[in-house]
Amino acid sequence: MEIVRDLLDSQVIDREKMKMGRIDGIVLSFDDDGRPRIDHLELGFAAMARRIHPRVESWLRVVRRWSVRRSAVYHVPWEKVIDLSHQTVQIDVKAEETPAFDWERWFAKQLVNRIPAGGKA
């Protein structure tokens, strides 16, 4: 498996097949024999910005104080990966319980719930 080609920018879906974003970073660790293994996957704009340049990532971390997200980068342990297919990576989490849905929760609370007949989110 060529992890950069096969994993980076793949669509991430939760256990219920809800889209959560794309893989923006892959973090490796080394076992006792010195062999690399995937430790966790990273989702989030800050991880993608790091691919552009470390300064872009540090700028985003400063701007993050005005963001509604709990975390600039969401880490998915490799053990949570259920299935790898050609374009998607399925993980054993519920999308609504992760920081991937912070903007959606904020939008529902601030706007949708204030619209008459907008419902509760």
C-alpha atoms as a PDB file:
ATOM      1  CA  MET A   1       0.000   0.000   0.000  1.00  0.00           C
ATOM      2  CA  GLU A   2       1.310   3.424  -0.927  1.00  0.00           C
ATOM      3  CA  ILE A   3      -0.189   5.352   1.965  1.00  0.00           C
ATOM      4  CA  VAL A   4       0.197   8.860   0.593  1.00  0.00           C
ATOM      5  CA  ARG A   5      -1.393   7.947  -2.723  1.00  0.00           C
ATOM      6  CA  ASP A   6      -4.021   5.611  -1.272  1.00  0.00           C
ATOM      7  CA  LEU A   7      -5.029   7.455   1.928  1.00  0.00           C
ATOM      8  CA  LEU A   8      -4.257  11.165   1.752  1.00  0.00           C
ATOM      9  CA  ASP A   9      -7.308  13.185   0.622  1.00  0.00           C
ATOM     10  CA  SER A  10      -9.588  10.118   0.812  1.00  0.00           C
ATOM     11  CA  GLN A  11     -13.174  10.705   1.942  1.00  0.00           C
ATOM     12  CA  VAL A  12     -13.752   9.717   5.586  1.00  0.00           C
ATOM     13  CA  ILE A  13     -17.110   8.249   6.537  1.00  0.00           C
ATOM     14  CA  ASP A  14     -18.352   7.225   9.964  1.00  0.00           C
ATOM     15  CA  ARG A  15     -19.815   3.849  10.944  1.00  0.00           C
ATOM     16  CA  GLU A  16     -23.208   4.999   9.627  1.00  0.00           C
ATOM     17  CA  LYS A  17     -21.675   6.062   6.279  1.00  0.00           C
ATOM     18  CA  MET A  18     -22.006   9.811   6.976  1.00  0.00           C
ATOM     19  CA  LYS A  19     -19.299  11.941   5.345  1.00  0.00           C
ATOM     20  CA  MET A  20     -16.893  13.593   7.789  1.00  0.00           C
ATOM     21  CA  GLY A  21     -14.340  15.251   5.534  1.00  0.00           C
ATOM     22  CA  ARG A  22     -11.083  14.116   4.020  1.00  0.00           C
ATOM     23  CA  ILE A  23      -7.808  12.793   5.396  1.00  0.00           C
ATOM     24  CA  ASP A  24      -5.506  15.805   5.618  1.00  0.00           C
ATOM     25  CA  GLY A  25      -2.563  14.198   7.411  1.00  0.00           C
ATOM     26  CA  ILE A  26      -1.041  10.818   8.208  1.00  0.00           C
ATOM     27  CA  VAL A  27       1.124  10.381  11.313  1.00  0.00           C
ATOM     28  CA  LEU A  28       3.553   7.484  11.510  1.00  0.00           C
ATOM     29  CA  SER A  29       5.300   5.944  14.493  1.00  0.00           C
ATOM     30  CA  PHE A  30       7.994   3.308  14.694  1.00  0.00           C
ATOM     31  CA  ASP A  31       7.722  -0.053  16.442  1.00  0.00           C
ATOM     32  CA  ASP A  32      10.530  -1.631  18.494  1.00  0.00           C
ATOM     33  CA  ASP A  33      12.119  -3.077  15.357  1.00  0.00           C
ATOM     34  CA  GLY A  34      12.231   0.331  13.699  1.00  0.00           C
ATOM     35  CA  ARG A  35       9.467  -0.432  11.198  1.00  0.00           C
ATOM     36  CA  PRO A  36       7.047   2.414  10.481  1.00  0.00           C
ATOM     37  CA  ARG A  37       3.339   2.010  11.152  1.00  0.00           C
ATOM     38  CA  ILE A  38       0.392   4.364  10.864  1.00  0.00           C
ATOM     39  CA  ASP A  39      -0.346   5.830  14.292  1.00  0.00           C
ATOM     40  CA  HIS A  40      -3.303   8.069  13.441  1.00  0.00           C
ATOM     41  CA  LEU A  41      -4.998  10.058  10.701  1.00  0.00           C
ATOM     42  CA  GLU A  42      -5.589  13.801  10.904  1.00  0.00           C
ATOM     43  CA  LEU A  43      -8.657  15.666   9.698  1.00  0.00           C
ATOM     44  CA  GLY A  44      -8.921  19.430   9.701  1.00  0.00           C
ATOM     45  CA  PHE A  45      -7.850  22.521   7.844  1.00  0.00           C
ATOM     46  CA  ALA A  46      -4.788  23.053  10.075  1.00  0.00           C
ATOM     47  CA  ALA A  47      -3.391  19.653   9.044  1.00  0.00           C
ATOM     48  CA  MET A  48      -3.990  20.500   5.404  1.00  0.00           C
ATOM     49  CA  ALA A  49      -2.360  23.912   5.902  1.00  0.00           C
ATOM     50  CA  ARG A  50       0.745  22.174   7.312  1.00  0.00           C
ATOM     51  CA  ARG A  51       1.102  20.435   3.948  1.00  0.00           C
ATOM     52  CA  ILE A  52       1.284  23.853   2.292  1.00  0.00           C
ATOM     53  CA  HIS A  53       3.749  25.364   4.784  1.00  0.00           C
ATOM     54  CA  PRO A  54       4.272  25.242   8.581  1.00  0.00           C
ATOM     55  CA  ARG A  55       3.773  29.010   8.802  1.00  0.00           C
ATOM     56  CA  VAL A  56       0.296  28.703   7.299  1.00  0.00           C
ATOM     57  CA  GLU A  57      -0.564  26.171  10.011  1.00  0.00           C
ATOM     58  CA  SER A  58       0.756  28.427  12.794  1.00  0.00           C
ATOM     59  CA  TRP A  59      -1.236  31.370  11.385  1.00  0.00           C
ATOM     60  CA  LEU A  60      -4.382  29.234  11.421  1.00  0.00           C
ATOM     61  CA  ARG A  61      -3.765  28.255  15.041  1.00  0.00           C
ATOM     62  CA  VAL A  62      -3.734  31.966  15.966  1.00  0.00           C
ATOM     63  CA  VAL A  63      -6.939  32.625  14.015  1.00  0.00           C
ATOM     64  CA  ARG A  64      -8.526  29.523  15.609  1.00  0.00           C
ATOM     65  CA  ARG A  65      -9.425  31.436  18.776  1.00  0.00           C
ATOM     66  CA  TRP A  66     -12.398  32.876  16.828  1.00  0.00           C
ATOM     67  CA  SER A  67     -13.450  29.494  15.470  1.00  0.00           C
ATOM     68  CA  VAL A  68     -16.340  27.408  16.753  1.00  0.00           C
ATOM     69  CA  ARG A  69     -14.314  24.210  16.430  1.00  0.00           C
ATOM     70  CA  ARG A  70     -13.121  22.555  19.628  1.00  0.00           C
ATOM     71  CA  SER A  71      -9.943  21.441  17.888  1.00  0.00           C
ATOM     72  CA  ALA A  72      -8.081  22.593  14.784  1.00  0.00           C
ATOM     73  CA  VAL A  73      -7.147  19.000  13.964  1.00  0.00           C
ATOM     74  CA  TYR A  74      -9.162  15.875  14.720  1.00  0.00           C
ATOM     75  CA  HIS A  75      -7.015  12.773  15.329  1.00  0.00           C
ATOM     76  CA  VAL A  76      -8.404   9.377  14.335  1.00  0.00           C
ATOM     77  CA  PRO A  77      -6.432   6.462  15.835  1.00  0.00           C
ATOM     78  CA  TRP A  78      -5.558   3.867  13.204  1.00  0.00           C
ATOM     79  CA  GLU A  79      -7.333   1.268  15.354  1.00  0.00           C
ATOM     80  CA  LYS A  80     -10.641   3.051  14.578  1.00  0.00           C
ATOM     81  CA  VAL A  81     -10.329   2.346  10.826  1.00  0.00           C
ATOM     82  CA  ILE A  82     -12.948  -0.252   9.870  1.00  0.00           C
ATOM     83  CA  ASP A  83     -12.686  -0.405   6.096  1.00  0.00           C
ATOM     84  CA  LEU A  84     -10.483   0.946   3.324  1.00  0.00           C
ATOM     85  CA  SER A  85     -11.905   1.169  -0.165  1.00  0.00           C
ATOM     86  CA  HIS A  86     -10.798   2.891  -3.336  1.00  0.00           C
ATOM     87  CA  GLN A  87     -12.013   6.389  -2.413  1.00  0.00           C
ATOM     88  CA  THR A  88     -13.241   6.127   1.193  1.00  0.00           C
ATOM     89  CA  VAL A  89     -11.990   5.269   4.650  1.00  0.00           C
ATOM     90  CA  GLN A  90     -14.652   4.148   7.112  1.00  0.00           C
ATOM     91  CA  ILE A  91     -13.966   4.727  10.802  1.00  0.00           C
ATOM     92  CA  ASP A  92     -15.675   3.419  13.927  1.00  0.00           C
ATOM     93  CA  VAL A  93     -17.002   6.706  15.337  1.00  0.00           C
ATOM     94  CA  LYS A  94     -20.260   8.621  15.125  1.00  0.00           C
ATOM     95  CA  ALA A  95     -19.704  11.787  13.090  1.00  0.00           C
ATOM     96  CA  GLU A  96     -22.064  13.957  15.152  1.00  0.00           C
ATOM     97  CA  GLU A  97     -19.957  13.311  18.267  1.00  0.00           C
ATOM     98  CA  THR A  98     -16.710  14.547  16.711  1.00  0.00           C
ATOM     99  CA  PRO A  99     -15.309  18.038  16.084  1.00  0.00           C
ATOM    100  CA  ALA A 100     -15.964  17.428  12.382  1.00  0.00           C
ATOM    101  CA  PHE A 101     -19.536  18.582  13.001  1.00  0.00           C
ATOM    102  CA  ASP A 102     -18.814  21.648  15.183  1.00  0.00           C
ATOM    103  CA  TRP A 103     -19.715  24.091  12.401  1.00  0.00           C
ATOM    104  CA  GLU A 104     -22.953  22.255  11.655  1.00  0.00           C
ATOM    105  CA  ARG A 105     -23.936  22.346  15.349  1.00  0.00           C
ATOM    106  CA  TRP A 106     -23.101  26.052  15.579  1.00  0.00           C
ATOM    107  CA  PHE A 107     -25.042  26.819  12.398  1.00  0.00           C
ATOM    108  CA  ALA A 108     -28.085  24.928  13.645  1.00  0.00           C
ATOM    109  CA  LYS A 109     -27.978  26.640  17.026  1.00  0.00           C
ATOM    110  CA  GLN A 110     -27.354  30.169  15.773  1.00  0.00           C
ATOM    111  CA  LEU A 111     -29.478  30.241  12.629  1.00  0.00           C
ATOM    112  CA  VAL A 112     -31.709  27.271  11.877  1.00  0.00           C
ATOM    113  CA  ASN A 113     -33.286  27.118  15.352  1.00  0.00           C
ATOM    114  CA  ARG A 114     -34.149  30.821  15.134  1.00  0.00           C
ATOM    115  CA  ILE A 115     -36.116  30.417  11.922  1.00  0.00           C
ATOM    116  CA  PRO A 116     -39.821  29.900  12.537  1.00  0.00           C
ATOM    117  CA  ALA A 117     -40.523  26.188  12.034  1.00  0.00           C
ATOM    118  CA  GLY A 118     -36.742  25.651  11.790  1.00  0.00           C
ATOM    119  CA  GLY A 119     -36.901  22.853  14.335  1.00  0.00           C
ATOM    120  CA  LYS A 120     -34.469  21.852  17.028  1.00  0.00           C
ATOM    121  CA  ALA A 121     -30.971  20.583  16.289  1.00  0.00           C
END
